[in-house]
Amino acid sequence: MSDVEIRRNEIIELLYTYKKYSIDDFAKRFGVSRRTINYDIVYLMDFYEIDTKPGPHGEISLIDRRPNSHTAYLKPIEIEWLRRKYNEAETEEDRMAAHSILRRFSL
């Protein structure tokens, strides 16, 4: 797993843990620029419902639509695997199944 993938997985885990995090805090924690964190967030928005607040301390949070904390969700590595399967699917039925799982279990 690349450094970028590890950082993005940790970003999601931190958002699940702390609910809100600032761009500056992420940048300091990972030793990268605010721009890098912004790129990570834009990428992660393809897989998660993420809310961002503009401003000098730009707050980031997950939009949690789960009815309770016991609802299953996919981890980033599982999402990546399903995305690969979607792209490699030989039939439209397989592609639709992967897409359906991603939509149902990803935030």
N, C-alpha and C. Protein backbone atom coordinates (compact mmCIF):
# COMPACT_ATOMS: atom_id res chain seq x y z
N MET A 1 0.85 -1.17 0.00
CA MET A 1 0.00 0.00 0.00
C MET A 1 0.90 1.24 0.00
N SER A 2 0.58 2.20 -0.82
CA SER A 2 1.41 3.41 -0.93
C SER A 2 1.18 4.36 0.24
N ASP A 3 2.08 5.31 0.40
CA ASP A 3 1.94 6.32 1.45
C ASP A 3 0.64 7.10 1.30
N VAL A 4 0.27 7.38 0.07
CA VAL A 4 -0.97 8.13 -0.19
C VAL A 4 -2.17 7.33 0.29
N GLU A 5 -2.21 6.05 -0.04
CA GLU A 5 -3.33 5.19 0.38
C GLU A 5 -3.39 5.08 1.90
N ILE A 6 -2.24 4.93 2.51
CA ILE A 6 -2.20 4.85 3.98
C ILE A 6 -2.73 6.14 4.59
N ARG A 7 -2.28 7.28 4.07
CA ARG A 7 -2.74 8.58 4.60
C ARG A 7 -4.25 8.72 4.42
N ARG A 8 -4.76 8.36 3.27
CA ARG A 8 -6.20 8.50 3.02
C ARG A 8 -7.01 7.57 3.92
N ASN A 9 -6.52 6.37 4.15
CA ASN A 9 -7.20 5.47 5.09
C ASN A 9 -7.21 6.06 6.48
N GLU A 10 -6.09 6.64 6.90
CA GLU A 10 -6.01 7.24 8.23
C GLU A 10 -6.92 8.46 8.34
N ILE A 11 -7.04 9.23 7.27
CA ILE A 11 -7.94 10.39 7.28
C ILE A 11 -9.36 9.92 7.58
N ILE A 12 -9.82 8.89 6.90
CA ILE A 12 -11.17 8.38 7.13
C ILE A 12 -11.32 7.85 8.55
N GLU A 13 -10.34 7.11 9.02
CA GLU A 13 -10.40 6.59 10.39
C GLU A 13 -10.46 7.72 11.41
N LEU A 14 -9.69 8.78 11.19
CA LEU A 14 -9.72 9.93 12.10
C LEU A 14 -11.08 10.62 12.07
N LEU A 15 -11.67 10.72 10.90
CA LEU A 15 -13.00 11.35 10.80
C LEU A 15 -14.05 10.50 11.50
N TYR A 16 -13.93 9.18 11.41
CA TYR A 16 -14.87 8.31 12.13
C TYR A 16 -14.66 8.45 13.64
N THR A 17 -13.43 8.60 14.05
CA THR A 17 -13.11 8.67 15.47
C THR A 17 -13.48 10.02 16.08
N TYR A 18 -13.06 11.10 15.42
CA TYR A 18 -13.21 12.43 16.01
C TYR A 18 -14.37 13.23 15.43
N LYS A 19 -15.01 12.73 14.40
CA LYS A 19 -16.17 13.36 13.74
C LYS A 19 -15.82 14.61 12.94
N LYS A 20 -14.92 15.45 13.45
CA LYS A 20 -14.52 16.67 12.74
C LYS A 20 -13.02 16.84 12.87
N TYR A 21 -12.43 17.38 11.83
CA TYR A 21 -10.98 17.58 11.82
C TYR A 21 -10.70 18.77 10.92
N SER A 22 -9.66 19.51 11.19
CA SER A 22 -9.35 20.66 10.33
C SER A 22 -8.28 20.27 9.32
N ILE A 23 -8.27 20.99 8.22
CA ILE A 23 -7.27 20.76 7.18
C ILE A 23 -5.87 20.99 7.78
N ASP A 24 -5.73 22.04 8.58
CA ASP A 24 -4.43 22.32 9.20
C ASP A 24 -3.98 21.16 10.09
N ASP A 25 -4.91 20.60 10.87
CA ASP A 25 -4.56 19.47 11.75
C ASP A 25 -4.11 18.25 10.93
N PHE A 26 -4.82 17.97 9.83
CA PHE A 26 -4.41 16.87 8.96
C PHE A 26 -3.02 17.14 8.38
N ALA A 27 -2.81 18.36 7.88
CA ALA A 27 -1.52 18.70 7.27
C ALA A 27 -0.37 18.53 8.26
N LYS A 28 -0.58 18.99 9.49
CA LYS A 28 0.45 18.84 10.53
C LYS A 28 0.68 17.37 10.86
N ARG A 29 -0.41 16.65 11.04
CA ARG A 29 -0.31 15.24 11.44
C ARG A 29 0.48 14.42 10.42
N PHE A 30 0.24 14.68 9.13
CA PHE A 30 0.86 13.87 8.09
C PHE A 30 2.11 14.52 7.47
N GLY A 31 2.42 15.76 7.89
CA GLY A 31 3.60 16.43 7.37
C GLY A 31 3.51 16.75 5.89
N VAL A 32 2.30 17.12 5.46
CA VAL A 32 2.07 17.49 4.05
C VAL A 32 1.41 18.86 4.00
N SER A 33 1.26 19.38 2.81
CA SER A 33 0.66 20.71 2.65
C SER A 33 -0.87 20.64 2.73
N ARG A 34 -1.46 21.81 2.95
CA ARG A 34 -2.93 21.91 2.92
C ARG A 34 -3.45 21.48 1.56
N ARG A 35 -2.73 21.82 0.50
CA ARG A 35 -3.15 21.45 -0.85
C ARG A 35 -3.21 19.92 -1.00
N THR A 36 -2.23 19.22 -0.45
CA THR A 36 -2.23 17.76 -0.51
C THR A 36 -3.45 17.19 0.20
N ILE A 37 -3.76 17.74 1.37
CA ILE A 37 -4.95 17.28 2.10
C ILE A 37 -6.21 17.58 1.30
N ASN A 38 -6.26 18.75 0.67
CA ASN A 38 -7.42 19.06 -0.17
C ASN A 38 -7.57 18.05 -1.30
N TYR A 39 -6.45 17.66 -1.94
CA TYR A 39 -6.51 16.64 -3.00
C TYR A 39 -7.03 15.31 -2.42
N ASP A 40 -6.54 14.96 -1.23
CA ASP A 40 -7.00 13.72 -0.60
C ASP A 40 -8.50 13.76 -0.34
N ILE A 41 -8.98 14.88 0.17
CA ILE A 41 -10.41 15.01 0.49
C ILE A 41 -11.25 14.93 -0.78
N VAL A 42 -10.83 15.60 -1.83
CA VAL A 42 -11.56 15.54 -3.10
C VAL A 42 -11.61 14.09 -3.60
N TYR A 43 -10.50 13.38 -3.51
CA TYR A 43 -10.48 11.97 -3.90
C TYR A 43 -11.44 11.15 -3.05
N LEU A 44 -11.37 11.33 -1.74
CA LEU A 44 -12.21 10.55 -0.82
C LEU A 44 -13.69 10.85 -0.98
N MET A 45 -14.03 12.02 -1.50
CA MET A 45 -15.44 12.38 -1.71
C MET A 45 -16.10 11.47 -2.74
N ASP A 46 -15.31 10.79 -3.57
CA ASP A 46 -15.87 9.81 -4.50
C ASP A 46 -16.41 8.58 -3.78
N PHE A 47 -15.93 8.35 -2.55
CA PHE A 47 -16.29 7.14 -1.82
C PHE A 47 -17.09 7.40 -0.55
N TYR A 48 -16.99 8.60 -0.01
CA TYR A 48 -17.63 8.95 1.25
C TYR A 48 -18.37 10.27 1.11
N GLU A 49 -19.42 10.42 1.89
CA GLU A 49 -20.10 11.70 1.94
C GLU A 49 -19.35 12.56 2.96
N ILE A 50 -18.60 13.51 2.45
CA ILE A 50 -17.77 14.36 3.28
C ILE A 50 -18.25 15.78 3.16
N ASP A 51 -18.37 16.44 4.30
CA ASP A 51 -18.77 17.84 4.35
C ASP A 51 -17.52 18.67 4.65
N THR A 52 -17.35 19.75 3.93
CA THR A 52 -16.21 20.63 4.17
C THR A 52 -16.72 22.04 4.44
N LYS A 53 -16.07 22.69 5.38
CA LYS A 53 -16.39 24.07 5.71
C LYS A 53 -15.20 24.93 5.31
N PRO A 54 -15.43 25.96 4.48
CA PRO A 54 -14.32 26.81 4.05
C PRO A 54 -13.81 27.69 5.19
N GLY A 55 -12.68 28.29 4.96
CA GLY A 55 -12.13 29.22 5.94
C GLY A 55 -10.72 28.84 6.31
N PRO A 56 -10.09 29.66 7.12
CA PRO A 56 -8.68 29.43 7.45
C PRO A 56 -8.44 28.12 8.21
N HIS A 57 -9.44 27.61 8.86
CA HIS A 57 -9.26 26.37 9.60
C HIS A 57 -10.11 25.24 9.01
N GLY A 58 -10.63 25.44 7.82
CA GLY A 58 -11.41 24.47 7.06
C GLY A 58 -11.73 23.16 7.74
N GLU A 59 -12.90 23.06 8.29
CA GLU A 59 -13.33 21.86 9.01
C GLU A 59 -13.84 20.81 8.03
N ILE A 60 -13.48 19.56 8.31
CA ILE A 60 -13.90 18.43 7.48
C ILE A 60 -14.62 17.44 8.39
N SER A 61 -15.74 16.91 7.90
CA SER A 61 -16.47 15.91 8.68
C SER A 61 -17.17 14.95 7.73
N LEU A 62 -17.50 13.78 8.25
CA LEU A 62 -18.27 12.81 7.49
C LEU A 62 -19.75 13.10 7.70
N ILE A 63 -20.52 12.96 6.66
CA ILE A 63 -21.97 13.05 6.79
C ILE A 63 -22.43 11.64 7.09
N ASP A 64 -22.85 11.43 8.30
CA ASP A 64 -23.21 10.09 8.76
C ASP A 64 -24.71 9.89 8.63
N ARG A 65 -25.12 9.13 7.63
CA ARG A 65 -26.54 8.87 7.40
C ARG A 65 -26.95 7.50 7.95
N ARG A 66 -26.03 6.89 8.68
CA ARG A 66 -26.36 5.58 9.24
C ARG A 66 -27.37 5.73 10.36
N PRO A 67 -28.39 4.87 10.41
CA PRO A 67 -29.40 4.98 11.46
C PRO A 67 -28.84 4.69 12.85
N ASN A 68 -27.80 3.89 12.93
CA ASN A 68 -27.15 3.64 14.22
C ASN A 68 -25.72 3.22 13.98
N SER A 69 -24.96 3.13 15.02
CA SER A 69 -23.54 2.86 14.87
C SER A 69 -23.24 1.41 14.48
N HIS A 70 -24.25 0.57 14.42
CA HIS A 70 -24.02 -0.83 14.09
C HIS A 70 -24.18 -1.11 12.60
N THR A 71 -24.54 -0.11 11.83
CA THR A 71 -24.69 -0.29 10.39
C THR A 71 -23.32 -0.50 9.76
N ALA A 72 -23.22 -1.46 8.88
CA ALA A 72 -21.95 -1.78 8.25
C ALA A 72 -21.52 -0.68 7.28
N TYR A 73 -20.24 -0.50 7.16
CA TYR A 73 -19.68 0.38 6.15
C TYR A 73 -18.43 -0.29 5.60
N LEU A 74 -18.02 0.15 4.43
CA LEU A 74 -16.84 -0.42 3.81
C LEU A 74 -15.61 0.40 4.18
N LYS A 75 -14.52 -0.28 4.41
CA LYS A 75 -13.26 0.38 4.65
C LYS A 75 -12.68 0.79 3.30
N PRO A 76 -11.79 1.78 3.29
CA PRO A 76 -11.21 2.23 2.01
C PRO A 76 -10.59 1.11 1.18
N ILE A 77 -9.93 0.16 1.83
CA ILE A 77 -9.32 -0.94 1.07
C ILE A 77 -10.39 -1.80 0.40
N GLU A 78 -11.54 -1.97 1.06
CA GLU A 78 -12.65 -2.73 0.48
C GLU A 78 -13.28 -1.97 -0.68
N ILE A 79 -13.37 -0.67 -0.53
CA ILE A 79 -13.90 0.16 -1.62
C ILE A 79 -13.00 0.08 -2.83
N GLU A 80 -11.69 0.17 -2.61
CA GLU A 80 -10.74 0.08 -3.72
C GLU A 80 -10.85 -1.26 -4.43
N TRP A 81 -11.00 -2.35 -3.66
CA TRP A 81 -11.14 -3.67 -4.25
C TRP A 81 -12.41 -3.74 -5.12
N LEU A 82 -13.52 -3.25 -4.58
CA LEU A 82 -14.76 -3.26 -5.35
C LEU A 82 -14.66 -2.39 -6.60
N ARG A 83 -13.99 -1.27 -6.46
CA ARG A 83 -13.81 -0.39 -7.63
C ARG A 83 -13.02 -1.12 -8.72
N ARG A 84 -11.97 -1.86 -8.33
CA ARG A 84 -11.21 -2.64 -9.31
C ARG A 84 -12.09 -3.69 -9.96
N LYS A 85 -12.89 -4.37 -9.13
CA LYS A 85 -13.79 -5.40 -9.68
C LYS A 85 -14.80 -4.77 -10.64
N TYR A 86 -15.28 -3.59 -10.29
CA TYR A 86 -16.21 -2.88 -11.18
C TYR A 86 -15.54 -2.62 -12.53
N ASN A 87 -14.31 -2.12 -12.49
CA ASN A 87 -13.60 -1.79 -13.73
C ASN A 87 -13.22 -3.03 -14.53
N GLU A 88 -13.01 -4.16 -13.85
CA GLU A 88 -12.62 -5.40 -14.52
C GLU A 88 -13.82 -6.26 -14.93
N ALA A 89 -15.01 -5.87 -14.53
CA ALA A 89 -16.20 -6.70 -14.78
C ALA A 89 -16.38 -6.98 -16.26
N GLU A 90 -16.70 -8.25 -16.55
CA GLU A 90 -16.89 -8.65 -17.94
C GLU A 90 -18.34 -8.48 -18.39
N THR A 91 -19.26 -8.46 -17.43
CA THR A 91 -20.67 -8.31 -17.79
C THR A 91 -21.26 -7.08 -17.11
N GLU A 92 -22.28 -6.56 -17.69
CA GLU A 92 -22.96 -5.40 -17.11
C GLU A 92 -23.59 -5.77 -15.77
N GLU A 93 -24.03 -7.01 -15.64
CA GLU A 93 -24.63 -7.47 -14.38
C GLU A 93 -23.60 -7.41 -13.24
N ASP A 94 -22.37 -7.84 -13.49
CA ASP A 94 -21.32 -7.78 -12.48
C ASP A 94 -20.99 -6.33 -12.13
N ARG A 95 -20.94 -5.48 -13.13
CA ARG A 95 -20.66 -4.06 -12.92
C ARG A 95 -21.75 -3.42 -12.06
N MET A 96 -23.00 -3.75 -12.34
CA MET A 96 -24.12 -3.20 -11.56
C MET A 96 -24.08 -3.70 -10.12
N ALA A 97 -23.69 -4.95 -9.91
CA ALA A 97 -23.62 -5.50 -8.56
C ALA A 97 -22.56 -4.78 -7.74
N ALA A 98 -21.38 -4.58 -8.31
CA ALA A 98 -20.31 -3.86 -7.60
C ALA A 98 -20.74 -2.43 -7.29
N HIS A 99 -21.36 -1.78 -8.26
CA HIS A 99 -21.82 -0.41 -8.06
C HIS A 99 -22.87 -0.34 -6.95
N SER A 100 -23.78 -1.28 -6.94
CA SER A 100 -24.83 -1.31 -5.91
C SER A 100 -24.25 -1.47 -4.51
N ILE A 101 -23.27 -2.36 -4.38
CA ILE A 101 -22.63 -2.57 -3.07
C ILE A 101 -21.92 -1.30 -2.63
N LEU A 102 -21.20 -0.66 -3.54
CA LEU A 102 -20.50 0.58 -3.20
C LEU A 102 -21.47 1.65 -2.72
N ARG A 103 -22.57 1.80 -3.40
CA ARG A 103 -23.54 2.83 -3.02
C ARG A 103 -24.22 2.52 -1.68
N ARG A 104 -24.52 1.26 -1.45
CA ARG A 104 -25.25 0.89 -0.25
C ARG A 104 -24.40 0.94 1.02
N PHE A 105 -23.14 0.53 0.94
CA PHE A 105 -22.34 0.39 2.15
C PHE A 105 -21.25 1.43 2.33
N SER A 106 -21.07 2.31 1.37
CA SER A 106 -20.10 3.40 1.53
C SER A 106 -20.85 4.62 2.00
N LEU A 107 -20.21 5.38 2.86
CA LEU A 107 -20.86 6.61 3.33
C LEU A 107 -20.79 7.67 2.28
